[in-house]
mmCIF file of all heavy atoms, coordinates in Angstrom:
data_MODEL
# 
_entry.id   MODEL 
# 
loop_
_atom_site.group_PDB 
_atom_site.id 
_atom_site.type_symbol 
_atom_site.label_atom_id 
_atom_site.label_alt_id 
_atom_site.label_comp_id 
_atom_site.label_asym_id 
_atom_site.label_entity_id 
_atom_site.label_seq_id 
_atom_site.pdbx_PDB_ins_code 
_atom_site.Cartn_x 
_atom_site.Cartn_y 
_atom_site.Cartn_z 
_atom_site.occupancy 
_atom_site.B_iso_or_equiv 
_atom_site.pdbx_formal_charge 
_atom_site.auth_seq_id 
_atom_site.auth_comp_id 
_atom_site.auth_asym_id 
_atom_site.auth_atom_id 
_atom_site.pdbx_PDB_model_num 
ATOM 1   N N   . ALA A 1 1  ? -1.068 8.108  -1.137 1.00 0.00 ? 1  ALA A N   1 
ATOM 2   C CA  . ALA A 1 1  ? 0.277  8.387  -0.663 1.00 0.00 ? 1  ALA A CA  1 
ATOM 3   C C   . ALA A 1 1  ? 0.923  7.109  -0.146 1.00 0.00 ? 1  ALA A C   1 
ATOM 4   O O   . ALA A 1 1  ? 0.241  6.187  0.294  1.00 0.00 ? 1  ALA A O   1 
ATOM 5   C CB  . ALA A 1 1  ? 0.244  9.437  0.447  1.00 0.00 ? 1  ALA A CB  1 
ATOM 6   N N   . ALA A 1 2  ? 2.246  7.071  -0.197 1.00 0.00 ? 2  ALA A N   1 
ATOM 7   C CA  . ALA A 1 2  ? 2.972  5.891  0.258  1.00 0.00 ? 2  ALA A CA  1 
ATOM 8   C C   . ALA A 1 2  ? 4.245  6.293  0.979  1.00 0.00 ? 2  ALA A C   1 
ATOM 9   O O   . ALA A 1 2  ? 4.890  7.280  0.612  1.00 0.00 ? 2  ALA A O   1 
ATOM 10  C CB  . ALA A 1 2  ? 3.301  4.979  -0.921 1.00 0.00 ? 2  ALA A CB  1 
ATOM 11  N N   . ARG A 1 3  ? 4.591  5.526  1.996  1.00 0.00 ? 3  ARG A N   1 
ATOM 12  C CA  . ARG A 1 3  ? 5.818  5.738  2.741  1.00 0.00 ? 3  ARG A CA  1 
ATOM 13  C C   . ARG A 1 3  ? 6.733  4.541  2.526  1.00 0.00 ? 3  ARG A C   1 
ATOM 14  O O   . ARG A 1 3  ? 6.309  3.399  2.667  1.00 0.00 ? 3  ARG A O   1 
ATOM 15  C CB  . ARG A 1 3  ? 5.528  5.924  4.229  1.00 0.00 ? 3  ARG A CB  1 
ATOM 16  C CG  . ARG A 1 3  ? 6.771  6.133  5.085  1.00 0.00 ? 3  ARG A CG  1 
ATOM 17  C CD  . ARG A 1 3  ? 6.401  6.406  6.534  1.00 0.00 ? 3  ARG A CD  1 
ATOM 18  N NE  . ARG A 1 3  ? 7.559  6.416  7.405  1.00 0.00 ? 3  ARG A NE  1 
ATOM 19  C CZ  . ARG A 1 3  ? 8.322  7.477  7.642  1.00 0.00 ? 3  ARG A CZ  1 
ATOM 20  N NH1 . ARG A 1 3  ? 8.042  8.646  7.063  1.00 0.00 ? 3  ARG A NH1 1 
ATOM 21  N NH2 . ARG A 1 3  ? 9.363  7.390  8.458  1.00 0.00 ? 3  ARG A NH2 1 
ATOM 22  N N   . SER A 1 4  ? 7.975  4.808  2.196  1.00 0.00 ? 4  SER A N   1 
ATOM 23  C CA  . SER A 1 4  ? 8.936  3.751  1.887  1.00 0.00 ? 4  SER A CA  1 
ATOM 24  C C   . SER A 1 4  ? 9.879  3.443  3.037  1.00 0.00 ? 4  SER A C   1 
ATOM 25  O O   . SER A 1 4  ? 10.681 2.510  2.942  1.00 0.00 ? 4  SER A O   1 
ATOM 26  C CB  . SER A 1 4  ? 9.757  4.127  0.652  1.00 0.00 ? 4  SER A CB  1 
ATOM 27  O OG  . SER A 1 4  ? 10.506 5.302  0.870  1.00 0.00 ? 4  SER A OG  1 
ATOM 28  N N   . ARG A 1 5  ? 9.775  4.182  4.140  1.00 0.00 ? 5  ARG A N   1 
ATOM 29  C CA  . ARG A 1 5  ? 10.665 3.957  5.266  1.00 0.00 ? 5  ARG A CA  1 
ATOM 30  C C   . ARG A 1 5  ? 9.981  3.073  6.310  1.00 0.00 ? 5  ARG A C   1 
ATOM 31  O O   . ARG A 1 5  ? 9.655  1.929  6.012  1.00 0.00 ? 5  ARG A O   1 
ATOM 32  C CB  . ARG A 1 5  ? 11.137 5.295  5.835  1.00 0.00 ? 5  ARG A CB  1 
ATOM 33  C CG  . ARG A 1 5  ? 12.121 6.021  4.898  1.00 0.00 ? 5  ARG A CG  1 
ATOM 34  C CD  . ARG A 1 5  ? 12.355 7.459  5.300  1.00 0.00 ? 5  ARG A CD  1 
ATOM 35  N NE  . ARG A 1 5  ? 11.233 8.310  4.921  1.00 0.00 ? 5  ARG A NE  1 
ATOM 36  C CZ  . ARG A 1 5  ? 11.115 9.587  5.272  1.00 0.00 ? 5  ARG A CZ  1 
ATOM 37  N NH1 . ARG A 1 5  ? 12.046 10.152 6.037  1.00 0.00 ? 5  ARG A NH1 1 
ATOM 38  N NH2 . ARG A 1 5  ? 10.070 10.295 4.869  1.00 0.00 ? 5  ARG A NH2 1 
ATOM 39  N N   . SER A 1 6  ? 9.764  3.551  7.520  1.00 0.00 ? 6  SER A N   1 
ATOM 40  C CA  . SER A 1 6  ? 9.102  2.741  8.530  1.00 0.00 ? 6  SER A CA  1 
ATOM 41  C C   . SER A 1 6  ? 7.676  2.423  8.099  1.00 0.00 ? 6  SER A C   1 
ATOM 42  O O   . SER A 1 6  ? 7.043  3.210  7.384  1.00 0.00 ? 6  SER A O   1 
ATOM 43  C CB  . SER A 1 6  ? 9.101  3.442  9.881  1.00 0.00 ? 6  SER A CB  1 
ATOM 44  O OG  . SER A 1 6  ? 8.428  4.686  9.803  1.00 0.00 ? 6  SER A OG  1 
ATOM 45  N N   . GLY A 1 7  ? 7.178  1.268  8.550  1.00 0.00 ? 7  GLY A N   1 
ATOM 46  C CA  . GLY A 1 7  ? 5.903  0.783  8.059  1.00 0.00 ? 7  GLY A CA  1 
ATOM 47  C C   . GLY A 1 7  ? 4.660  1.261  8.783  1.00 0.00 ? 7  GLY A C   1 
ATOM 48  O O   . GLY A 1 7  ? 3.564  1.187  8.230  1.00 0.00 ? 7  GLY A O   1 
ATOM 49  N N   . TRP A 1 8  ? 4.798  1.749  9.976  1.00 0.00 ? 8  TRP A N   1 
ATOM 50  C CA  . TRP A 1 8  ? 3.657  2.165  10.768 1.00 0.00 ? 8  TRP A CA  1 
ATOM 51  C C   . TRP A 1 8  ? 4.120  3.051  11.910 1.00 0.00 ? 8  TRP A C   1 
ATOM 52  O O   . TRP A 1 8  ? 5.312  3.136  12.206 1.00 0.00 ? 8  TRP A O   1 
ATOM 53  C CB  . TRP A 1 8  ? 2.917  0.937  11.313 1.00 0.00 ? 8  TRP A CB  1 
ATOM 54  C CG  . TRP A 1 8  ? 1.520  1.200  11.764 1.00 0.00 ? 8  TRP A CG  1 
ATOM 55  C CD1 . TRP A 1 8  ? 1.039  1.145  13.037 1.00 0.00 ? 8  TRP A CD1 1 
ATOM 56  C CD2 . TRP A 1 8  ? 0.405  1.568  10.947 1.00 0.00 ? 8  TRP A CD2 1 
ATOM 57  N NE1 . TRP A 1 8  ? -0.297 1.442  13.070 1.00 0.00 ? 8  TRP A NE1 1 
ATOM 58  C CE2 . TRP A 1 8  ? -0.720 1.700  11.790 1.00 0.00 ? 8  TRP A CE2 1 
ATOM 59  C CE3 . TRP A 1 8  ? 0.244  1.787  9.576  1.00 0.00 ? 8  TRP A CE3 1 
ATOM 60  C CZ2 . TRP A 1 8  ? -1.987 2.049  11.310 1.00 0.00 ? 8  TRP A CZ2 1 
ATOM 61  C CZ3 . TRP A 1 8  ? -1.005 2.146  9.104  1.00 0.00 ? 8  TRP A CZ3 1 
ATOM 62  C CH2 . TRP A 1 8  ? -2.104 2.264  9.965  1.00 0.00 ? 8  TRP A CH2 1 
ATOM 63  N N   . GLY A 1 9  ? 3.162  3.715  12.559 1.00 0.00 ? 9  GLY A N   1 
ATOM 64  C CA  . GLY A 1 9  ? 3.501  4.586  13.667 1.00 0.00 ? 9  GLY A CA  1 
ATOM 65  C C   . GLY A 1 9  ? 2.260  5.040  14.400 1.00 0.00 ? 9  GLY A C   1 
ATOM 66  O O   . GLY A 1 9  ? 1.144  4.605  14.093 1.00 0.00 ? 9  GLY A O   1 
ATOM 67  N N   . PRO A 1 10 ? 2.407  5.926  15.380 1.00 0.00 ? 10 PRO A N   1 
ATOM 68  C CA  . PRO A 1 10 ? 1.252  6.458  16.106 1.00 0.00 ? 10 PRO A CA  1 
ATOM 69  C C   . PRO A 1 10 ? 0.314  7.227  15.181 1.00 0.00 ? 10 PRO A C   1 
ATOM 70  O O   . PRO A 1 10 ? 0.728  7.717  14.128 1.00 0.00 ? 10 PRO A O   1 
ATOM 71  C CB  . PRO A 1 10 ? 1.887  7.393  17.148 1.00 0.00 ? 10 PRO A CB  1 
ATOM 72  C CG  . PRO A 1 10 ? 3.301  6.928  17.273 1.00 0.00 ? 10 PRO A CG  1 
ATOM 73  C CD  . PRO A 1 10 ? 3.675  6.446  15.908 1.00 0.00 ? 10 PRO A CD  1 
ATOM 74  N N   . GLN A 1 11 ? -0.944 7.354  15.580 1.00 0.00 ? 11 GLN A N   1 
ATOM 75  C CA  . GLN A 1 11 ? -1.939 8.039  14.761 1.00 0.00 ? 11 GLN A CA  1 
ATOM 76  C C   . GLN A 1 11 ? -1.527 9.470  14.438 1.00 0.00 ? 11 GLN A C   1 
ATOM 77  O O   . GLN A 1 11 ? -1.779 9.961  13.340 1.00 0.00 ? 11 GLN A O   1 
ATOM 78  C CB  . GLN A 1 11 ? -3.295 8.017  15.453 1.00 0.00 ? 11 GLN A CB  1 
ATOM 79  C CG  . GLN A 1 11 ? -3.878 6.624  15.590 1.00 0.00 ? 11 GLN A CG  1 
ATOM 80  C CD  . GLN A 1 11 ? -5.194 6.618  16.344 1.00 0.00 ? 11 GLN A CD  1 
ATOM 81  O OE1 . GLN A 1 11 ? -5.678 7.651  16.788 1.00 0.00 ? 11 GLN A OE1 1 
ATOM 82  N NE2 . GLN A 1 11 ? -5.785 5.447  16.484 1.00 0.00 ? 11 GLN A NE2 1 
ATOM 83  N N   . LEU A 1 12 ? -0.914 10.127 15.398 1.00 0.00 ? 12 LEU A N   1 
ATOM 84  C CA  . LEU A 1 12 ? -0.475 11.496 15.193 1.00 0.00 ? 12 LEU A CA  1 
ATOM 85  C C   . LEU A 1 12 ? 0.514  11.593 14.041 1.00 0.00 ? 12 LEU A C   1 
ATOM 86  O O   . LEU A 1 12 ? 0.572  12.607 13.347 1.00 0.00 ? 12 LEU A O   1 
ATOM 87  C CB  . LEU A 1 12 ? 0.150  12.040 16.482 1.00 0.00 ? 12 LEU A CB  1 
ATOM 88  C CG  . LEU A 1 12 ? 0.622  13.493 16.467 1.00 0.00 ? 12 LEU A CG  1 
ATOM 89  C CD1 . LEU A 1 12 ? -0.560 14.430 16.277 1.00 0.00 ? 12 LEU A CD1 1 
ATOM 90  C CD2 . LEU A 1 12 ? 1.363  13.819 17.763 1.00 0.00 ? 12 LEU A CD2 1 
ATOM 91  N N   . VAL A 1 13 ? 1.269  10.543 13.818 1.00 0.00 ? 13 VAL A N   1 
ATOM 92  C CA  . VAL A 1 13 ? 2.275  10.526 12.771 1.00 0.00 ? 13 VAL A CA  1 
ATOM 93  C C   . VAL A 1 13 ? 1.685  10.155 11.415 1.00 0.00 ? 13 VAL A C   1 
ATOM 94  O O   . VAL A 1 13 ? 1.924  10.839 10.416 1.00 0.00 ? 13 VAL A O   1 
ATOM 95  C CB  . VAL A 1 13 ? 3.416  9.553  13.130 1.00 0.00 ? 13 VAL A CB  1 
ATOM 96  C CG1 . VAL A 1 13 ? 4.378  9.396  11.951 1.00 0.00 ? 13 VAL A CG1 1 
ATOM 97  C CG2 . VAL A 1 13 ? 4.169  10.043 14.358 1.00 0.00 ? 13 VAL A CG2 1 
ATOM 98  N N   . ILE A 1 14 ? 0.905  9.101  11.359 1.00 0.00 ? 14 ILE A N   1 
ATOM 99  C CA  . ILE A 1 14 ? 0.428  8.598  10.074 1.00 0.00 ? 14 ILE A CA  1 
ATOM 100 C C   . ILE A 1 14 ? -0.645 9.476  9.443  1.00 0.00 ? 14 ILE A C   1 
ATOM 101 O O   . ILE A 1 14 ? -0.952 9.306  8.264  1.00 0.00 ? 14 ILE A O   1 
ATOM 102 C CB  . ILE A 1 14 ? -0.091 7.149  10.182 1.00 0.00 ? 14 ILE A CB  1 
ATOM 103 C CG1 . ILE A 1 14 ? -1.288 7.052  11.122 1.00 0.00 ? 14 ILE A CG1 1 
ATOM 104 C CG2 . ILE A 1 14 ? 1.024  6.223  10.657 1.00 0.00 ? 14 ILE A CG2 1 
ATOM 105 C CD1 . ILE A 1 14 ? -1.905 5.664  11.172 1.00 0.00 ? 14 ILE A CD1 1 
ATOM 106 N N   . ARG A 1 15 ? -1.208 10.420 10.161 1.00 0.00 ? 15 ARG A N   1 
ATOM 107 C CA  . ARG A 1 15 ? -2.176 11.341 9.583  1.00 0.00 ? 15 ARG A CA  1 
ATOM 108 C C   . ARG A 1 15 ? -1.503 12.605 9.057  1.00 0.00 ? 15 ARG A C   1 
ATOM 109 O O   . ARG A 1 15 ? -2.178 13.493 8.524  1.00 0.00 ? 15 ARG A O   1 
ATOM 110 C CB  . ARG A 1 15 ? -3.271 11.703 10.583 1.00 0.00 ? 15 ARG A CB  1 
ATOM 111 C CG  . ARG A 1 15 ? -2.805 12.505 11.782 1.00 0.00 ? 15 ARG A CG  1 
ATOM 112 C CD  . ARG A 1 15 ? -3.941 12.662 12.783 1.00 0.00 ? 15 ARG A CD  1 
ATOM 113 N NE  . ARG A 1 15 ? -5.078 13.378 12.214 1.00 0.00 ? 15 ARG A NE  1 
ATOM 114 C CZ  . ARG A 1 15 ? -6.287 13.421 12.768 1.00 0.00 ? 15 ARG A CZ  1 
ATOM 115 N NH1 . ARG A 1 15 ? -6.518 12.760 13.894 1.00 0.00 ? 15 ARG A NH1 1 
ATOM 116 N NH2 . ARG A 1 15 ? -7.254 14.105 12.187 1.00 0.00 ? 15 ARG A NH2 1 
ATOM 117 N N   . ASP A 1 16 ? -0.198 12.688 9.202  1.00 0.00 ? 16 ASP A N   1 
ATOM 118 C CA  . ASP A 1 16 ? 0.574  13.829 8.740  1.00 0.00 ? 16 ASP A CA  1 
ATOM 119 C C   . ASP A 1 16 ? 1.084  13.554 7.330  1.00 0.00 ? 16 ASP A C   1 
ATOM 120 O O   . ASP A 1 16 ? 1.863  12.633 7.111  1.00 0.00 ? 16 ASP A O   1 
ATOM 121 C CB  . ASP A 1 16 ? 1.733  14.089 9.695  1.00 0.00 ? 16 ASP A CB  1 
ATOM 122 C CG  . ASP A 1 16 ? 2.561  15.301 9.321  1.00 0.00 ? 16 ASP A CG  1 
ATOM 123 O OD1 . ASP A 1 16 ? 2.263  15.956 8.298  1.00 0.00 ? 16 ASP A OD1 1 
ATOM 124 O OD2 . ASP A 1 16 ? 3.518  15.599 10.055 1.00 0.00 ? 16 ASP A OD2 1 
ATOM 125 N N   . GLY A 1 17 ? 0.657  14.347 6.359  1.00 0.00 ? 17 GLY A N   1 
ATOM 126 C CA  . GLY A 1 17 ? 1.074  14.150 4.985  1.00 0.00 ? 17 GLY A CA  1 
ATOM 127 C C   . GLY A 1 17 ? 2.568  14.213 4.777  1.00 0.00 ? 17 GLY A C   1 
ATOM 128 O O   . GLY A 1 17 ? 3.102  13.581 3.860  1.00 0.00 ? 17 GLY A O   1 
ATOM 129 N N   . ASN A 1 18 ? 3.256  14.961 5.617  1.00 0.00 ? 18 ASN A N   1 
ATOM 130 C CA  . ASN A 1 18 ? 4.707  15.089 5.489  1.00 0.00 ? 18 ASN A CA  1 
ATOM 131 C C   . ASN A 1 18 ? 5.438  13.801 5.831  1.00 0.00 ? 18 ASN A C   1 
ATOM 132 O O   . ASN A 1 18 ? 6.626  13.678 5.528  1.00 0.00 ? 18 ASN A O   1 
ATOM 133 C CB  . ASN A 1 18 ? 5.220  16.220 6.372  1.00 0.00 ? 18 ASN A CB  1 
ATOM 134 C CG  . ASN A 1 18 ? 4.738  17.578 5.922  1.00 0.00 ? 18 ASN A CG  1 
ATOM 135 O OD1 . ASN A 1 18 ? 4.635  17.846 4.730  1.00 0.00 ? 18 ASN A OD1 1 
ATOM 136 N ND2 . ASN A 1 18 ? 4.429  18.440 6.884  1.00 0.00 ? 18 ASN A ND2 1 
ATOM 137 N N   . TRP A 1 19 ? 4.754  12.865 6.422  1.00 0.00 ? 19 TRP A N   1 
ATOM 138 C CA  . TRP A 1 19 ? 5.339  11.586 6.791  1.00 0.00 ? 19 TRP A CA  1 
ATOM 139 C C   . TRP A 1 19 ? 5.487  10.665 5.578  1.00 0.00 ? 19 TRP A C   1 
ATOM 140 O O   . TRP A 1 19 ? 6.270  9.722  5.620  1.00 0.00 ? 19 TRP A O   1 
ATOM 141 C CB  . TRP A 1 19 ? 4.458  10.932 7.859  1.00 0.00 ? 19 TRP A CB  1 
ATOM 142 C CG  . TRP A 1 19 ? 5.038  9.731  8.533  1.00 0.00 ? 19 TRP A CG  1 
ATOM 143 C CD1 . TRP A 1 19 ? 6.142  9.664  9.323  1.00 0.00 ? 19 TRP A CD1 1 
ATOM 144 C CD2 . TRP A 1 19 ? 4.506  8.399  8.490  1.00 0.00 ? 19 TRP A CD2 1 
ATOM 145 N NE1 . TRP A 1 19 ? 6.335  8.380  9.782  1.00 0.00 ? 19 TRP A NE1 1 
ATOM 146 C CE2 . TRP A 1 19 ? 5.342  7.582  9.281  1.00 0.00 ? 19 TRP A CE2 1 
ATOM 147 C CE3 . TRP A 1 19 ? 3.400  7.816  7.864  1.00 0.00 ? 19 TRP A CE3 1 
ATOM 148 C CZ2 . TRP A 1 19 ? 5.113  6.221  9.458  1.00 0.00 ? 19 TRP A CZ2 1 
ATOM 149 C CZ3 . TRP A 1 19 ? 3.169  6.460  8.040  1.00 0.00 ? 19 TRP A CZ3 1 
ATOM 150 C CH2 . TRP A 1 19 ? 4.018  5.682  8.831  1.00 0.00 ? 19 TRP A CH2 1 
ATOM 151 N N   . TYR A 1 20 ? 4.766  10.938 4.522  1.00 0.00 ? 20 TYR A N   1 
ATOM 152 C CA  . TYR A 1 20 ? 4.772  10.087 3.338  1.00 0.00 ? 20 TYR A CA  1 
ATOM 153 C C   . TYR A 1 20 ? 5.804  10.543 2.320  1.00 0.00 ? 20 TYR A C   1 
ATOM 154 O O   . TYR A 1 20 ? 6.144  11.730 2.236  1.00 0.00 ? 20 TYR A O   1 
ATOM 155 C CB  . TYR A 1 20 ? 3.373  10.042 2.715  1.00 0.00 ? 20 TYR A CB  1 
ATOM 156 C CG  . TYR A 1 20 ? 2.366  9.397  3.634  1.00 0.00 ? 20 TYR A CG  1 
ATOM 157 C CD1 . TYR A 1 20 ? 1.756  10.119 4.654  1.00 0.00 ? 20 TYR A CD1 1 
ATOM 158 C CD2 . TYR A 1 20 ? 2.045  8.056  3.500  1.00 0.00 ? 20 TYR A CD2 1 
ATOM 159 C CE1 . TYR A 1 20 ? 0.853  9.508  5.519  1.00 0.00 ? 20 TYR A CE1 1 
ATOM 160 C CE2 . TYR A 1 20 ? 1.145  7.443  4.352  1.00 0.00 ? 20 TYR A CE2 1 
ATOM 161 C CZ  . TYR A 1 20 ? 0.550  8.173  5.362  1.00 0.00 ? 20 TYR A CZ  1 
ATOM 162 O OH  . TYR A 1 20 ? -0.343 7.563  6.219  1.00 0.00 ? 20 TYR A OH  1 
ATOM 163 N N   . ASP A 1 21 ? 6.279  9.598  1.525  1.00 0.00 ? 21 ASP A N   1 
ATOM 164 C CA  . ASP A 1 21 ? 7.362  9.858  0.589  1.00 0.00 ? 21 ASP A CA  1 
ATOM 165 C C   . ASP A 1 21 ? 6.903  10.066 -0.850 1.00 0.00 ? 21 ASP A C   1 
ATOM 166 O O   . ASP A 1 21 ? 7.563  10.776 -1.614 1.00 0.00 ? 21 ASP A O   1 
ATOM 167 C CB  . ASP A 1 21 ? 8.362  8.698  0.623  1.00 0.00 ? 21 ASP A CB  1 
ATOM 168 C CG  . ASP A 1 21 ? 8.959  8.494  1.995  1.00 0.00 ? 21 ASP A CG  1 
ATOM 169 O OD1 . ASP A 1 21 ? 9.541  9.450  2.535  1.00 0.00 ? 21 ASP A OD1 1 
ATOM 170 O OD2 . ASP A 1 21 ? 8.848  7.361  2.531  1.00 0.00 ? 21 ASP A OD2 1 
ATOM 171 N N   . TYR A 1 22 ? 5.792  9.455  -1.239 1.00 0.00 ? 22 TYR A N   1 
ATOM 172 C CA  . TYR A 1 22 ? 5.331  9.516  -2.620 1.00 0.00 ? 22 TYR A CA  1 
ATOM 173 C C   . TYR A 1 22 ? 3.842  9.826  -2.686 1.00 0.00 ? 22 TYR A C   1 
ATOM 174 O O   . TYR A 1 22 ? 3.072  9.437  -1.808 1.00 0.00 ? 22 TYR A O   1 
ATOM 175 C CB  . TYR A 1 22 ? 5.618  8.195  -3.343 1.00 0.00 ? 22 TYR A CB  1 
ATOM 176 C CG  . TYR A 1 22 ? 7.054  7.757  -3.241 1.00 0.00 ? 22 TYR A CG  1 
ATOM 177 C CD1 . TYR A 1 22 ? 7.431  6.759  -2.355 1.00 0.00 ? 22 TYR A CD1 1 
ATOM 178 C CD2 . TYR A 1 22 ? 8.032  8.344  -4.038 1.00 0.00 ? 22 TYR A CD2 1 
ATOM 179 C CE1 . TYR A 1 22 ? 8.753  6.358  -2.246 1.00 0.00 ? 22 TYR A CE1 1 
ATOM 180 C CE2 . TYR A 1 22 ? 9.359  7.945  -3.935 1.00 0.00 ? 22 TYR A CE2 1 
ATOM 181 C CZ  . TYR A 1 22 ? 9.708  6.955  -3.041 1.00 0.00 ? 22 TYR A CZ  1 
ATOM 182 O OH  . TYR A 1 22 ? 11.025 6.563  -2.949 1.00 0.00 ? 22 TYR A OH  1 
ATOM 183 N N   . TRP A 1 23 ? 3.450  10.501 -3.778 1.00 0.00 ? 23 TRP A N   1 
ATOM 184 C CA  . TRP A 1 23 ? 2.064  10.916 -3.971 1.00 0.00 ? 23 TRP A CA  1 
ATOM 185 C C   . TRP A 1 23 ? 1.609  10.670 -5.397 1.00 0.00 ? 23 TRP A C   1 
ATOM 186 O O   . TRP A 1 23 ? 2.385  10.796 -6.344 1.00 0.00 ? 23 TRP A O   1 
ATOM 187 C CB  . TRP A 1 23 ? 1.900  12.407 -3.657 1.00 0.00 ? 23 TRP A CB  1 
ATOM 188 C CG  . TRP A 1 23 ? 2.111  12.726 -2.217 1.00 0.00 ? 23 TRP A CG  1 
ATOM 189 C CD1 . TRP A 1 23 ? 3.301  12.961 -1.588 1.00 0.00 ? 23 TRP A CD1 1 
ATOM 190 C CD2 . TRP A 1 23 ? 1.099  12.849 -1.214 1.00 0.00 ? 23 TRP A CD2 1 
ATOM 191 N NE1 . TRP A 1 23 ? 3.092  13.221 -0.254 1.00 0.00 ? 23 TRP A NE1 1 
ATOM 192 C CE2 . TRP A 1 23 ? 1.751  13.160 0.003  1.00 0.00 ? 23 TRP A CE2 1 
ATOM 193 C CE3 . TRP A 1 23 ? -0.291 12.731 -1.224 1.00 0.00 ? 23 TRP A CE3 1 
ATOM 194 C CZ2 . TRP A 1 23 ? 1.065  13.346 1.193  1.00 0.00 ? 23 TRP A CZ2 1 
ATOM 195 C CZ3 . TRP A 1 23 ? -0.986 12.917 -0.039 1.00 0.00 ? 23 TRP A CZ3 1 
ATOM 196 C CH2 . TRP A 1 23 ? -0.307 13.223 1.148  1.00 0.00 ? 23 TRP A CH2 1 
ATOM 197 N N   . GLY A 1 24 ? 0.328  10.327 -5.544 1.00 0.00 ? 24 GLY A N   1 
ATOM 198 C CA  . GLY A 1 24 ? -0.269 10.207 -6.854 1.00 0.00 ? 24 GLY A CA  1 
ATOM 199 C C   . GLY A 1 24 ? -0.777 11.548 -7.339 1.00 0.00 ? 24 GLY A C   1 
ATOM 200 O O   . GLY A 1 24 ? -0.683 12.560 -6.645 1.00 0.00 ? 24 GLY A O   1 
# 
């Protein structure tokens, strides 16, 4: 998965799949 907006965040955020924009 990849996120095209902000580059990083708290652990609670980056472990949430809904935070990502693209998927393989």
